[in-house]
Amino acid sequence: MTRVAAVDCGTNSIRLLVADADPATGELVDLDRRMTIVRLGQGVDRTGRLAPEALERTFAACREYAEVVKRHGAERLRFVATSASRDAENRHEFVRGVLDILGVEPEVISGDQEAEFSFTGATKELAGRDHLPRPYLVVDIGGGSTEFVVGDDRVRAARSVDVGCVRMTERHLLRDGVVSDPPSEERIAAMRADIEAALDLAEETVPLREARTLVGLAGSVTTVSAIAQELPEYDSAAIHHSRVSREKVREITDWLLRATHAERAAVPSMHPGRVDVIGAGALVLLSIMERIGAEEVVVSEHDILDGIGWSLA
């Protein structure tokens, strides 16, 4: 067993996993898994820079995580940063702050590396499930980007495109700095056109339609599953490996895009940090399912964070 700590810092959230990894059995035993909405990517699509308040929110979470890692005595720590910090002109401020707090330099990984980690984390425990036909298409819908990975035992093709729940919300659903409540049909259509263009890009290198099982990752997908199940609160065990039909995803997406902020916030399984961006995230998922003809999505709570953990084992 190796005790590892993995941090995944994305555009919308930062997450920590401390686990005991056993490569011999393929088992990753969670000791602590937590998530904080920090909105690091706030305004990056518009300004090209990380906002001071977004950096401070992120550093506050890092200080909390440093205490957790120390308490559990993790032998190895890896910090991976994704879309927002790739795009920002002042990424050096972010790197310096993380190094000071956690003692490791954040790795600003490429979209392809991000896809590899996501695939490993999502599929390692699916290997013995013969009822899930291969190849898998793993889709990680983040805040600033979405990763598409097709593979069997290993990755065959991967692509990251700049379409995510935060980026699409900021680009299409903001009016005077506030999310439209609800957005107009024209704004929804423009967002859908952006998503379709991104899918065209992904299909240039990834054979999306060859997939026989769609595996969906990250907060937008897991929240859609929680809503579909009408959970009284967010329940990882109920969400992990749940299945949601395309028709149910369409129904939920339509409702989210037409609901008011108050109506979305009243959903008991909804994290407060997702209230404004969940409509865009759900639309990305629906567009993918329609493009490849997927009848359902298999929802996974194990994703890039688990892949980072395995990379340390």
C-alpha atoms as a PDB file:
ATOM      1  CA  MET A   1       0.000   0.000   0.000  1.00  0.00           C
ATOM      2  CA  THR A   2       1.110   3.535  -0.783  1.00  0.00           C
ATOM      3  CA  ARG A   3      -0.664   6.476   0.866  1.00  0.00           C
ATOM      4  CA  VAL A   4      -1.132   9.131  -1.790  1.00  0.00           C
ATOM      5  CA  ALA A   5      -2.699  12.573  -1.987  1.00  0.00           C
ATOM      6  CA  ALA A   6      -4.036  13.990  -5.230  1.00  0.00           C
ATOM      7  CA  VAL A   7      -5.325  17.498  -5.890  1.00  0.00           C
ATOM      8  CA  ASP A   8      -7.276  18.385  -9.012  1.00  0.00           C
ATOM      9  CA  CYS A   9      -7.690  22.120  -9.497  1.00  0.00           C
ATOM     10  CA  GLY A  10     -10.138  22.915 -12.273  1.00  0.00           C
ATOM     11  CA  THR A  11     -11.965  25.967 -13.532  1.00  0.00           C
ATOM     12  CA  ASN A  12     -14.884  25.725 -11.099  1.00  0.00           C
ATOM     13  CA  SER A  13     -13.734  23.504  -8.240  1.00  0.00           C
ATOM     14  CA  ILE A  14     -10.674  22.184  -6.421  1.00  0.00           C
ATOM     15  CA  ARG A  15     -10.749  18.635  -5.066  1.00  0.00           C
ATOM     16  CA  LEU A  16      -8.621  16.500  -2.788  1.00  0.00           C
ATOM     17  CA  LEU A  17      -8.259  12.731  -2.519  1.00  0.00           C
ATOM     18  CA  VAL A  18      -6.169  11.018   0.124  1.00  0.00           C
ATOM     19  CA  ALA A  19      -6.154   7.252  -0.404  1.00  0.00           C
ATOM     20  CA  ASP A  20      -4.260   4.023   0.094  1.00  0.00           C
ATOM     21  CA  ALA A  21      -3.346   2.592  -3.311  1.00  0.00           C
ATOM     22  CA  ASP A  22      -2.626  -1.089  -3.880  1.00  0.00           C
ATOM     23  CA  PRO A  23      -1.398  -1.672  -7.455  1.00  0.00           C
ATOM     24  CA  ALA A  24      -1.442  -5.446  -6.917  1.00  0.00           C
ATOM     25  CA  THR A  25      -5.220  -5.530  -6.419  1.00  0.00           C
ATOM     26  CA  GLY A  26      -6.145  -2.429  -8.393  1.00  0.00           C
ATOM     27  CA  GLU A  27      -7.796  -1.014  -5.284  1.00  0.00           C
ATOM     28  CA  LEU A  28      -7.807   2.632  -4.256  1.00  0.00           C
ATOM     29  CA  VAL A  29      -9.213   2.996  -0.726  1.00  0.00           C
ATOM     30  CA  ASP A  30     -10.457   6.482   0.098  1.00  0.00           C
ATOM     31  CA  LEU A  31      -9.376   8.059   3.375  1.00  0.00           C
ATOM     32  CA  ASP A  32     -10.595  11.571   2.561  1.00  0.00           C
ATOM     33  CA  ARG A  33     -12.295  12.970  -0.515  1.00  0.00           C
ATOM     34  CA  ARG A  34     -13.540  16.541  -0.604  1.00  0.00           C
ATOM     35  CA  MET A  35     -14.444  19.326  -2.995  1.00  0.00           C
ATOM     36  CA  THR A  36     -14.587  23.112  -2.729  1.00  0.00           C
ATOM     37  CA  ILE A  37     -16.122  25.447  -5.306  1.00  0.00           C
ATOM     38  CA  VAL A  38     -13.530  28.209  -5.811  1.00  0.00           C
ATOM     39  CA  ARG A  39     -14.396  29.421  -9.339  1.00  0.00           C
ATOM     40  CA  LEU A  40     -10.703  29.857 -10.219  1.00  0.00           C
ATOM     41  CA  GLY A  41     -11.713  30.457 -13.833  1.00  0.00           C
ATOM     42  CA  GLN A  42     -13.879  33.473 -12.975  1.00  0.00           C
ATOM     43  CA  GLY A  43     -13.575  35.876 -15.925  1.00  0.00           C
ATOM     44  CA  VAL A  44     -10.602  34.098 -17.542  1.00  0.00           C
ATOM     45  CA  ASP A  45     -12.438  33.599 -20.840  1.00  0.00           C
ATOM     46  CA  ARG A  46     -12.972  37.385 -21.016  1.00  0.00           C
ATOM     47  CA  THR A  47      -9.815  38.836 -19.427  1.00  0.00           C
ATOM     48  CA  GLY A  48      -7.194  36.123 -19.922  1.00  0.00           C
ATOM     49  CA  ARG A  49      -6.149  36.540 -16.280  1.00  0.00           C
ATOM     50  CA  LEU A  50      -6.884  34.863 -12.936  1.00  0.00           C
ATOM     51  CA  ALA A  51      -8.827  37.302 -10.747  1.00  0.00           C
ATOM     52  CA  PRO A  52      -7.281  38.210  -7.340  1.00  0.00           C
ATOM     53  CA  GLU A  53     -10.401  37.101  -5.455  1.00  0.00           C
ATOM     54  CA  ALA A  54     -10.458  33.786  -7.350  1.00  0.00           C
ATOM     55  CA  LEU A  55      -6.820  33.164  -6.424  1.00  0.00           C
ATOM     56  CA  GLU A  56      -7.513  33.899  -2.760  1.00  0.00           C
ATOM     57  CA  ARG A  57     -10.481  31.492  -2.684  1.00  0.00           C
ATOM     58  CA  THR A  58      -8.255  28.817  -4.204  1.00  0.00           C
ATOM     59  CA  PHE A  59      -5.382  29.445  -1.781  1.00  0.00           C
ATOM     60  CA  ALA A  60      -7.805  29.254   1.176  1.00  0.00           C
ATOM     61  CA  ALA A  61      -8.872  25.788   0.014  1.00  0.00           C
ATOM     62  CA  CYS A  62      -5.207  24.805  -0.429  1.00  0.00           C
ATOM     63  CA  ARG A  63      -4.481  25.763   3.184  1.00  0.00           C
ATOM     64  CA  GLU A  64      -7.339  23.527   4.342  1.00  0.00           C
ATOM     65  CA  TYR A  65      -6.121  20.665   2.154  1.00  0.00           C
ATOM     66  CA  ALA A  66      -2.545  21.007   3.426  1.00  0.00           C
ATOM     67  CA  GLU A  67      -3.812  20.274   6.947  1.00  0.00           C
ATOM     68  CA  VAL A  68      -5.715  17.190   5.742  1.00  0.00           C
ATOM     69  CA  VAL A  69      -2.690  15.806   3.874  1.00  0.00           C
ATOM     70  CA  LYS A  70      -0.474  16.336   6.918  1.00  0.00           C
ATOM     71  CA  ARG A  71      -3.015  14.714   9.254  1.00  0.00           C
ATOM     72  CA  HIS A  72      -3.232  11.548   7.137  1.00  0.00           C
ATOM     73  CA  GLY A  73       0.513  11.322   6.590  1.00  0.00           C
ATOM     74  CA  ALA A  74       0.396  10.955   2.797  1.00  0.00           C
ATOM     75  CA  GLU A  75       3.728   9.788   1.381  1.00  0.00           C
ATOM     76  CA  ARG A  76       3.297  11.390  -2.023  1.00  0.00           C
ATOM     77  CA  LEU A  77       1.372  14.450  -3.212  1.00  0.00           C
ATOM     78  CA  ARG A  78       0.603  15.541  -6.738  1.00  0.00           C
ATOM     79  CA  PHE A  79      -1.231  18.742  -7.666  1.00  0.00           C
ATOM     80  CA  VAL A  80      -2.675  18.936 -11.156  1.00  0.00           C
ATOM     81  CA  ALA A  81      -4.165  22.109 -12.585  1.00  0.00           C
ATOM     82  CA  THR A  82      -6.335  22.216 -15.658  1.00  0.00           C
ATOM     83  CA  SER A  83      -8.117  24.572 -18.006  1.00  0.00           C
ATOM     84  CA  ALA A  84      -8.252  27.949 -16.222  1.00  0.00           C
ATOM     85  CA  SER A  85      -4.597  27.953 -15.183  1.00  0.00           C
ATOM     86  CA  ARG A  86      -3.538  26.831 -18.670  1.00  0.00           C
ATOM     87  CA  ASP A  87      -5.235  29.844 -20.200  1.00  0.00           C
ATOM     88  CA  ALA A  88      -4.197  32.609 -17.764  1.00  0.00           C
ATOM     89  CA  GLU A  89      -1.448  35.164 -18.410  1.00  0.00           C
ATOM     90  CA  ASN A  90      -0.682  35.434 -14.679  1.00  0.00           C
ATOM     91  CA  ARG A  91      -0.471  31.687 -14.010  1.00  0.00           C
ATOM     92  CA  HIS A  92       2.886  32.297 -12.258  1.00  0.00           C
ATOM     93  CA  GLU A  93       0.987  33.871  -9.317  1.00  0.00           C
ATOM     94  CA  PHE A  94      -1.044  30.711  -8.989  1.00  0.00           C
ATOM     95  CA  VAL A  95       2.030  28.449  -9.180  1.00  0.00           C
ATOM     96  CA  ARG A  96       3.914  30.443  -6.539  1.00  0.00           C
ATOM     97  CA  GLY A  97       0.961  30.458  -4.136  1.00  0.00           C
ATOM     98  CA  VAL A  98       0.373  26.701  -4.358  1.00  0.00           C
ATOM     99  CA  LEU A  99       4.085  25.967  -3.901  1.00  0.00           C
ATOM    100  CA  ASP A 100       4.214  28.130  -0.764  1.00  0.00           C
ATOM    101  CA  ILE A 101       1.179  26.432   0.795  1.00  0.00           C
ATOM    102  CA  LEU A 102       1.477  22.764  -0.221  1.00  0.00           C
ATOM    103  CA  GLY A 103       5.180  22.441  -0.953  1.00  0.00           C
ATOM    104  CA  VAL A 104       4.652  21.095  -4.473  1.00  0.00           C
ATOM    105  CA  GLU A 105       4.498  22.913  -7.758  1.00  0.00           C
ATOM    106  CA  PRO A 106       1.182  22.552  -9.583  1.00  0.00           C
ATOM    107  CA  GLU A 107       1.491  20.728 -12.871  1.00  0.00           C
ATOM    108  CA  VAL A 108      -0.392  22.676 -15.499  1.00  0.00           C
ATOM    109  CA  ILE A 109      -1.144  19.659 -17.658  1.00  0.00           C
ATOM    110  CA  SER A 110      -2.206  19.494 -21.271  1.00  0.00           C
ATOM    111  CA  GLY A 111      -5.712  18.518 -22.290  1.00  0.00           C
ATOM    112  CA  ASP A 112      -4.378  15.178 -23.520  1.00  0.00           C
ATOM    113  CA  GLN A 113      -2.798  14.424 -20.143  1.00  0.00           C
ATOM    114  CA  GLU A 114      -6.022  15.443 -18.445  1.00  0.00           C
ATOM    115  CA  ALA A 115      -7.892  12.981 -20.654  1.00  0.00           C
ATOM    116  CA  GLU A 116      -5.492  10.135 -19.801  1.00  0.00           C
ATOM    117  CA  PHE A 117      -5.980  10.657 -16.067  1.00  0.00           C
ATOM    118  CA  SER A 118      -9.752  10.865 -16.456  1.00  0.00           C
ATOM    119  CA  PHE A 119      -9.901   7.638 -18.438  1.00  0.00           C
ATOM    120  CA  THR A 120      -7.787   5.719 -15.931  1.00  0.00           C
ATOM    121  CA  GLY A 121      -9.772   6.990 -12.966  1.00  0.00           C
ATOM    122  CA  ALA A 122     -13.155   6.263 -14.550  1.00  0.00           C
ATOM    123  CA  THR A 123     -12.523   2.856 -16.120  1.00  0.00           C
ATOM    124  CA  LYS A 124     -10.004   1.016 -13.900  1.00  0.00           C
ATOM    125  CA  GLU A 125     -12.788  -0.525 -11.804  1.00  0.00           C
ATOM    126  CA  LEU A 126     -15.060  -1.168 -14.820  1.00  0.00           C
ATOM    127  CA  ALA A 127     -12.656  -3.724 -16.311  1.00  0.00           C
ATOM    128  CA  GLY A 128     -14.453  -6.722 -14.804  1.00  0.00           C
ATOM    129  CA  ARG A 129     -17.925  -5.527 -15.706  1.00  0.00           C
ATOM    130  CA  ASP A 130     -18.596  -7.467 -18.905  1.00  0.00           C
ATOM    131  CA  HIS A 131     -22.136  -6.139 -19.124  1.00  0.00           C
ATOM    132  CA  LEU A 132     -20.670  -2.749 -20.084  1.00  0.00           C
ATOM    133  CA  PRO A 133     -19.541  -3.173 -23.682  1.00  0.00           C
ATOM    134  CA  ARG A 134     -16.368  -1.572 -24.989  1.00  0.00           C
ATOM    135  CA  PRO A 135     -14.980   0.672 -26.249  1.00  0.00           C
ATOM    136  CA  TYR A 136     -15.785   3.262 -23.604  1.00  0.00           C
ATOM    137  CA  LEU A 137     -16.204   6.942 -24.325  1.00  0.00           C
ATOM    138  CA  VAL A 138     -15.233   8.818 -21.173  1.00  0.00           C
ATOM    139  CA  VAL A 139     -16.497  12.399 -21.116  1.00  0.00           C
ATOM    140  CA  ASP A 140     -15.253  14.754 -18.406  1.00  0.00           C
ATOM    141  CA  ILE A 141     -17.357  17.938 -18.468  1.00  0.00           C
ATOM    142  CA  GLY A 142     -15.394  20.528 -16.529  1.00  0.00           C
ATOM    143  CA  GLY A 143     -15.794  24.230 -15.958  1.00  0.00           C
ATOM    144  CA  GLY A 144     -13.609  25.452 -18.804  1.00  0.00           C
ATOM    145  CA  SER A 145     -13.084  22.400 -20.997  1.00  0.00           C
ATOM    146  CA  THR A 146     -14.448  18.966 -21.797  1.00  0.00           C
ATOM    147  CA  GLU A 147     -12.264  15.923 -22.364  1.00  0.00           C
ATOM    148  CA  PHE A 148     -13.261  13.105 -24.704  1.00  0.00           C
ATOM    149  CA  VAL A 149     -11.428   9.791 -24.449  1.00  0.00           C
ATOM    150  CA  VAL A 150     -12.153   6.578 -26.345  1.00  0.00           C
ATOM    151  CA  GLY A 151     -10.456   3.379 -25.277  1.00  0.00           C
ATOM    152  CA  ASP A 152     -10.662  -0.252 -24.222  1.00  0.00           C
ATOM    153  CA  ASP A 153      -7.943  -1.266 -21.769  1.00  0.00           C
ATOM    154  CA  ARG A 154      -5.986   1.806 -22.734  1.00  0.00           C
ATOM    155  CA  VAL A 155      -6.600   5.140 -24.437  1.00  0.00           C
ATOM    156  CA  ARG A 156      -7.022   4.963 -28.213  1.00  0.00           C
ATOM    157  CA  ALA A 157      -7.785   8.621 -28.864  1.00  0.00           C
ATOM    158  CA  ALA A 158      -8.315  11.744 -26.777  1.00  0.00           C
ATOM    159  CA  ARG A 159      -9.174  15.398 -27.288  1.00  0.00           C
ATOM    160  CA  SER A 160      -9.832  18.363 -25.037  1.00  0.00           C
ATOM    161  CA  VAL A 161     -12.043  21.183 -26.297  1.00  0.00           C
ATOM    162  CA  ASP A 162     -12.771  24.561 -24.724  1.00  0.00           C
ATOM    163  CA  VAL A 163     -16.391  24.040 -23.802  1.00  0.00           C
ATOM    164  CA  GLY A 164     -17.426  23.682 -20.161  1.00  0.00           C
ATOM    165  CA  CYS A 165     -20.176  24.740 -17.796  1.00  0.00           C
ATOM    166  CA  VAL A 166     -18.471  27.929 -16.540  1.00  0.00           C
ATOM    167  CA  ARG A 167     -17.090  28.997 -19.921  1.00  0.00           C
ATOM    168  CA  MET A 168     -20.464  28.504 -21.651  1.00  0.00           C
ATOM    169  CA  THR A 169     -22.332  30.270 -18.853  1.00  0.00           C
ATOM    170  CA  GLU A 170     -20.029  33.289 -18.915  1.00  0.00           C
ATOM    171  CA  ARG A 171     -20.005  33.449 -22.702  1.00  0.00           C
ATOM    172  CA  HIS A 172     -23.722  33.073 -23.331  1.00  0.00           C
ATOM    173  CA  LEU A 173     -25.854  33.382 -20.217  1.00  0.00           C
ATOM    174  CA  LEU A 174     -24.481  36.483 -18.464  1.00  0.00           C
ATOM    175  CA  ARG A 175     -26.221  39.834 -18.758  1.00  0.00           C
ATOM    176  CA  ASP A 176     -24.637  42.762 -16.886  1.00  0.00           C
ATOM    177  CA  GLY A 177     -22.618  40.273 -14.875  1.00  0.00           C
ATOM    178  CA  VAL A 178     -25.657  38.282 -13.761  1.00  0.00           C
ATOM    179  CA  VAL A 179     -26.873  34.956 -15.165  1.00  0.00           C
ATOM    180  CA  SER A 180     -30.068  35.376 -17.207  1.00  0.00           C
ATOM    181  CA  ASP A 181     -32.986  34.083 -15.183  1.00  0.00           C
ATOM    182  CA  PRO A 182     -34.024  32.264 -17.320  1.00  0.00           C
ATOM    183  CA  PRO A 183     -32.027  32.778 -20.562  1.00  0.00           C
ATOM    184  CA  SER A 184     -33.710  33.584 -23.857  1.00  0.00           C
ATOM    185  CA  GLU A 185     -34.127  30.986 -26.588  1.00  0.00           C
ATOM    186  CA  GLU A 186     -31.585  32.935 -28.652  1.00  0.00           C
ATOM    187  CA  ARG A 187     -28.933  32.652 -25.946  1.00  0.00           C
ATOM    188  CA  ILE A 188     -29.580  28.936 -25.522  1.00  0.00           C
ATOM    189  CA  ALA A 189     -29.346  28.453 -29.307  1.00  0.00           C
ATOM    190  CA  ALA A 190     -26.030  30.326 -29.434  1.00  0.00           C
ATOM    191  CA  MET A 191     -24.649  28.191 -26.608  1.00  0.00           C
ATOM    192  CA  ARG A 192     -25.815  25.025 -28.361  1.00  0.00           C
ATOM    193  CA  ALA A 193     -24.069  26.151 -31.567  1.00  0.00           C
ATOM    194  CA  ASP A 194     -20.798  26.614 -29.643  1.00  0.00           C
ATOM    195  CA  ILE A 195     -21.132  23.136 -28.132  1.00  0.00           C
ATOM    196  CA  GLU A 196     -21.854  21.559 -31.528  1.00  0.00           C
ATOM    197  CA  ALA A 197     -18.781  23.271 -33.013  1.00  0.00           C
ATOM    198  CA  ALA A 198     -16.689  21.848 -30.165  1.00  0.00           C
ATOM    199  CA  LEU A 199     -18.067  18.368 -30.846  1.00  0.00           C
ATOM    200  CA  ASP A 200     -17.078  18.770 -34.503  1.00  0.00           C
ATOM    201  CA  LEU A 201     -13.524  19.513 -33.325  1.00  0.00           C
ATOM    202  CA  ALA A 202     -13.487  16.506 -31.009  1.00  0.00           C
ATOM    203  CA  GLU A 203     -14.673  14.219 -33.802  1.00  0.00           C
ATOM    204  CA  GLU A 204     -11.719  15.231 -35.971  1.00  0.00           C
ATOM    205  CA  THR A 205      -9.459  13.077 -33.786  1.00  0.00           C
ATOM    206  CA  VAL A 206     -11.701  10.961 -31.525  1.00  0.00           C
ATOM    207  CA  PRO A 207     -14.118   8.375 -33.016  1.00  0.00           C
ATOM    208  CA  LEU A 208     -16.959   9.358 -30.682  1.00  0.00           C
ATOM    209  CA  ARG A 209     -19.594   7.280 -32.483  1.00  0.00           C
ATOM    210  CA  GLU A 210     -17.616   4.037 -32.156  1.00  0.00           C
ATOM    211  CA  ALA A 211     -18.182   4.013 -28.393  1.00  0.00           C
ATOM    212  CA  ARG A 212     -20.551   1.415 -26.976  1.00  0.00           C
ATOM    213  CA  THR A 213     -20.614   2.699 -23.393  1.00  0.00           C
ATOM    214  CA  LEU A 214     -20.722   6.402 -22.477  1.00  0.00           C
ATOM    215  CA  VAL A 215     -19.175   7.169 -19.076  1.00  0.00           C
ATOM    216  CA  GLY A 216     -19.839  10.658 -17.741  1.00  0.00           C
ATOM    217  CA  LEU A 217     -17.674  12.419 -15.143  1.00  0.00           C
ATOM    218  CA  ALA A 218     -17.599  15.570 -13.016  1.00  0.00           C
ATOM    219  CA  GLY A 219     -20.113  17.751 -11.223  1.00  0.00           C
ATOM    220  CA  SER A 220     -22.494  18.576 -14.045  1.00  0.00           C
ATOM    221  CA  VAL A 221     -23.047  14.878 -14.797  1.00  0.00           C
ATOM    222  CA  THR A 222     -23.265  13.736 -11.180  1.00  0.00           C
ATOM    223  CA  THR A 223     -25.719  16.535 -10.373  1.00  0.00           C
ATOM    224  CA  VAL A 224     -27.943  15.520 -13.297  1.00  0.00           C
ATOM    225  CA  SER A 225     -27.938  11.979 -11.889  1.00  0.00           C
ATOM    226  CA  ALA A 226     -28.865  13.252  -8.419  1.00  0.00           C
ATOM    227  CA  ILE A 227     -31.776  15.221  -9.894  1.00  0.00           C
ATOM    228  CA  ALA A 228     -32.892  12.236 -11.970  1.00  0.00           C
ATOM    229  CA  GLN A 229     -33.001  10.082  -8.841  1.00  0.00           C
ATOM    230  CA  GLU A 230     -34.746  12.841  -6.841  1.00  0.00           C
ATOM    231  CA  LEU A 231     -32.203  12.380  -4.050  1.00  0.00           C
ATOM    232  CA  PRO A 232     -32.995  14.229  -0.806  1.00  0.00           C
ATOM    233  CA  GLU A 233     -29.312  15.210  -0.632  1.00  0.00           C
ATOM    234  CA  TYR A 234     -26.154  14.614  -2.634  1.00  0.00           C
ATOM    235  CA  ASP A 235     -25.288  10.913  -2.177  1.00  0.00           C
ATOM    236  CA  SER A 236     -22.072   9.723  -3.835  1.00  0.00           C
ATOM    237  CA  ALA A 237     -22.872   6.044  -3.282  1.00  0.00           C
ATOM    238  CA  ALA A 238     -26.252   6.369  -5.035  1.00  0.00           C
ATOM    239  CA  ILE A 239     -24.759   8.391  -7.888  1.00  0.00           C
ATOM    240  CA  HIS A 240     -21.672   6.246  -8.567  1.00  0.00           C
ATOM    241  CA  HIS A 241     -22.399   3.896 -11.515  1.00  0.00           C
ATOM    242  CA  SER A 242     -25.998   5.069 -11.786  1.00  0.00           C
ATOM    243  CA  ARG A 243     -27.454   5.253 -15.280  1.00  0.00           C
ATOM    244  CA  VAL A 244     -29.488   8.083 -16.736  1.00  0.00           C
ATOM    245  CA  SER A 245     -31.384   7.778 -20.004  1.00  0.00           C
ATOM    246  CA  ARG A 246     -31.065  10.324 -22.786  1.00  0.00           C
ATOM    247  CA  GLU A 247     -34.740  11.232 -22.464  1.00  0.00           C
ATOM    248  CA  LYS A 248     -34.317  11.924 -18.754  1.00  0.00           C
ATOM    249  CA  VAL A 249     -31.225  14.058 -19.429  1.00  0.00           C
ATOM    250  CA  ARG A 250     -33.234  16.024 -22.019  1.00  0.00           C
ATOM    251  CA  GLU A 251     -36.099  16.543 -19.571  1.00  0.00           C
ATOM    252  CA  ILE A 252     -33.764  17.746 -16.819  1.00  0.00           C
ATOM    253  CA  THR A 253     -31.781  20.011 -19.172  1.00  0.00           C
ATOM    254  CA  ASP A 254     -34.943  21.663 -20.475  1.00  0.00           C
ATOM    255  CA  TRP A 255     -36.102  22.315 -16.933  1.00  0.00           C
ATOM    256  CA  LEU A 256     -32.738  23.668 -15.733  1.00  0.00           C
ATOM    257  CA  LEU A 257     -32.488  26.118 -18.632  1.00  0.00           C
ATOM    258  CA  ARG A 258     -35.993  27.432 -18.019  1.00  0.00           C
ATOM    259  CA  ALA A 259     -35.963  27.467 -14.226  1.00  0.00           C
ATOM    260  CA  THR A 260     -35.194  30.529 -12.129  1.00  0.00           C
ATOM    261  CA  HIS A 261     -32.161  30.773  -9.873  1.00  0.00           C
ATOM    262  CA  ALA A 262     -34.403  30.189  -6.840  1.00  0.00           C
ATOM    263  CA  GLU A 263     -35.958  27.076  -8.382  1.00  0.00           C
ATOM    264  CA  ARG A 264     -32.552  25.558  -9.191  1.00  0.00           C
ATOM    265  CA  ALA A 265     -31.203  26.456  -5.756  1.00  0.00           C
ATOM    266  CA  ALA A 266     -34.169  24.673  -4.136  1.00  0.00           C
ATOM    267  CA  VAL A 267     -33.044  21.295  -5.563  1.00  0.00           C
ATOM    268  CA  PRO A 268     -31.839  19.482  -2.398  1.00  0.00           C
ATOM    269  CA  SER A 269     -28.905  17.727  -4.097  1.00  0.00           C
ATOM    270  CA  MET A 270     -27.610  20.907  -5.789  1.00  0.00           C
ATOM    271  CA  HIS A 271     -24.302  22.327  -4.566  1.00  0.00           C
ATOM    272  CA  PRO A 272     -24.703  26.131  -4.199  1.00  0.00           C
ATOM    273  CA  GLY A 273     -21.677  26.680  -6.439  1.00  0.00           C
ATOM    274  CA  ARG A 274     -23.367  24.849  -9.338  1.00  0.00           C
ATOM    275  CA  VAL A 275     -26.708  26.674  -9.321  1.00  0.00           C
ATOM    276  CA  ASP A 276     -25.755  29.162 -12.043  1.00  0.00           C
ATOM    277  CA  VAL A 277     -23.679  26.832 -14.254  1.00  0.00           C
ATOM    278  CA  ILE A 278     -25.585  23.533 -14.137  1.00  0.00           C
ATOM    279  CA  GLY A 279     -27.860  24.402 -17.077  1.00  0.00           C
ATOM    280  CA  ALA A 280     -24.878  24.843 -19.397  1.00  0.00           C
ATOM    281  CA  GLY A 281     -23.236  21.670 -18.095  1.00  0.00           C
ATOM    282  CA  ALA A 282     -26.388  19.628 -18.628  1.00  0.00           C
ATOM    283  CA  LEU A 283     -26.693  20.973 -22.176  1.00  0.00           C
ATOM    284  CA  VAL A 284     -23.139  19.836 -22.933  1.00  0.00           C
ATOM    285  CA  LEU A 285     -24.026  16.329 -21.719  1.00  0.00           C
ATOM    286  CA  LEU A 286     -27.273  16.212 -23.706  1.00  0.00           C
ATOM    287  CA  SER A 287     -25.535  17.428 -26.877  1.00  0.00           C
ATOM    288  CA  ILE A 288     -22.932  14.666 -26.565  1.00  0.00           C
ATOM    289  CA  MET A 289     -25.572  11.976 -26.059  1.00  0.00           C
ATOM    290  CA  GLU A 290     -27.541  13.178 -29.066  1.00  0.00           C
ATOM    291  CA  ARG A 291     -24.422  13.402 -31.243  1.00  0.00           C
ATOM    292  CA  ILE A 292     -23.329   9.793 -30.602  1.00  0.00           C
ATOM    293  CA  GLY A 293     -26.787   8.277 -30.207  1.00  0.00           C
ATOM    294  CA  ALA A 294     -26.177   7.141 -26.617  1.00  0.00           C
ATOM    295  CA  GLU A 295     -29.331   5.784 -25.002  1.00  0.00           C
ATOM    296  CA  GLU A 296     -27.891   6.300 -21.507  1.00  0.00           C
ATOM    297  CA  VAL A 297     -24.877   7.604 -19.616  1.00  0.00           C
ATOM    298  CA  VAL A 298     -23.100   5.614 -16.899  1.00  0.00           C
ATOM    299  CA  VAL A 299     -22.236   8.126 -14.186  1.00  0.00           C
ATOM    300  CA  SER A 300     -18.911   7.794 -12.358  1.00  0.00           C
ATOM    301  CA  GLU A 301     -17.761   9.513  -9.180  1.00  0.00           C
ATOM    302  CA  HIS A 302     -14.239   8.290  -9.992  1.00  0.00           C
ATOM    303  CA  ASP A 303     -12.456  10.499 -12.452  1.00  0.00           C
ATOM    304  CA  ILE A 304      -9.295  12.535 -12.998  1.00  0.00           C
ATOM    305  CA  LEU A 305      -8.685  12.714  -9.241  1.00  0.00           C
ATOM    306  CA  ASP A 306      -8.466   8.907  -9.040  1.00  0.00           C
ATOM    307  CA  GLY A 307      -6.270   8.852 -12.141  1.00  0.00           C
ATOM    308  CA  ILE A 308      -3.854  11.277 -10.464  1.00  0.00           C
ATOM    309  CA  GLY A 309      -3.845   9.038  -7.396  1.00  0.00           C
ATOM    310  CA  TRP A 310      -2.996   5.984  -9.505  1.00  0.00           C
ATOM    311  CA  SER A 311      -0.159   7.875 -11.184  1.00  0.00           C
ATOM    312  CA  LEU A 312       1.503   8.125  -7.749  1.00  0.00           C
ATOM    313  CA  ALA A 313       1.071   4.429  -6.972  1.00  0.00           C
END
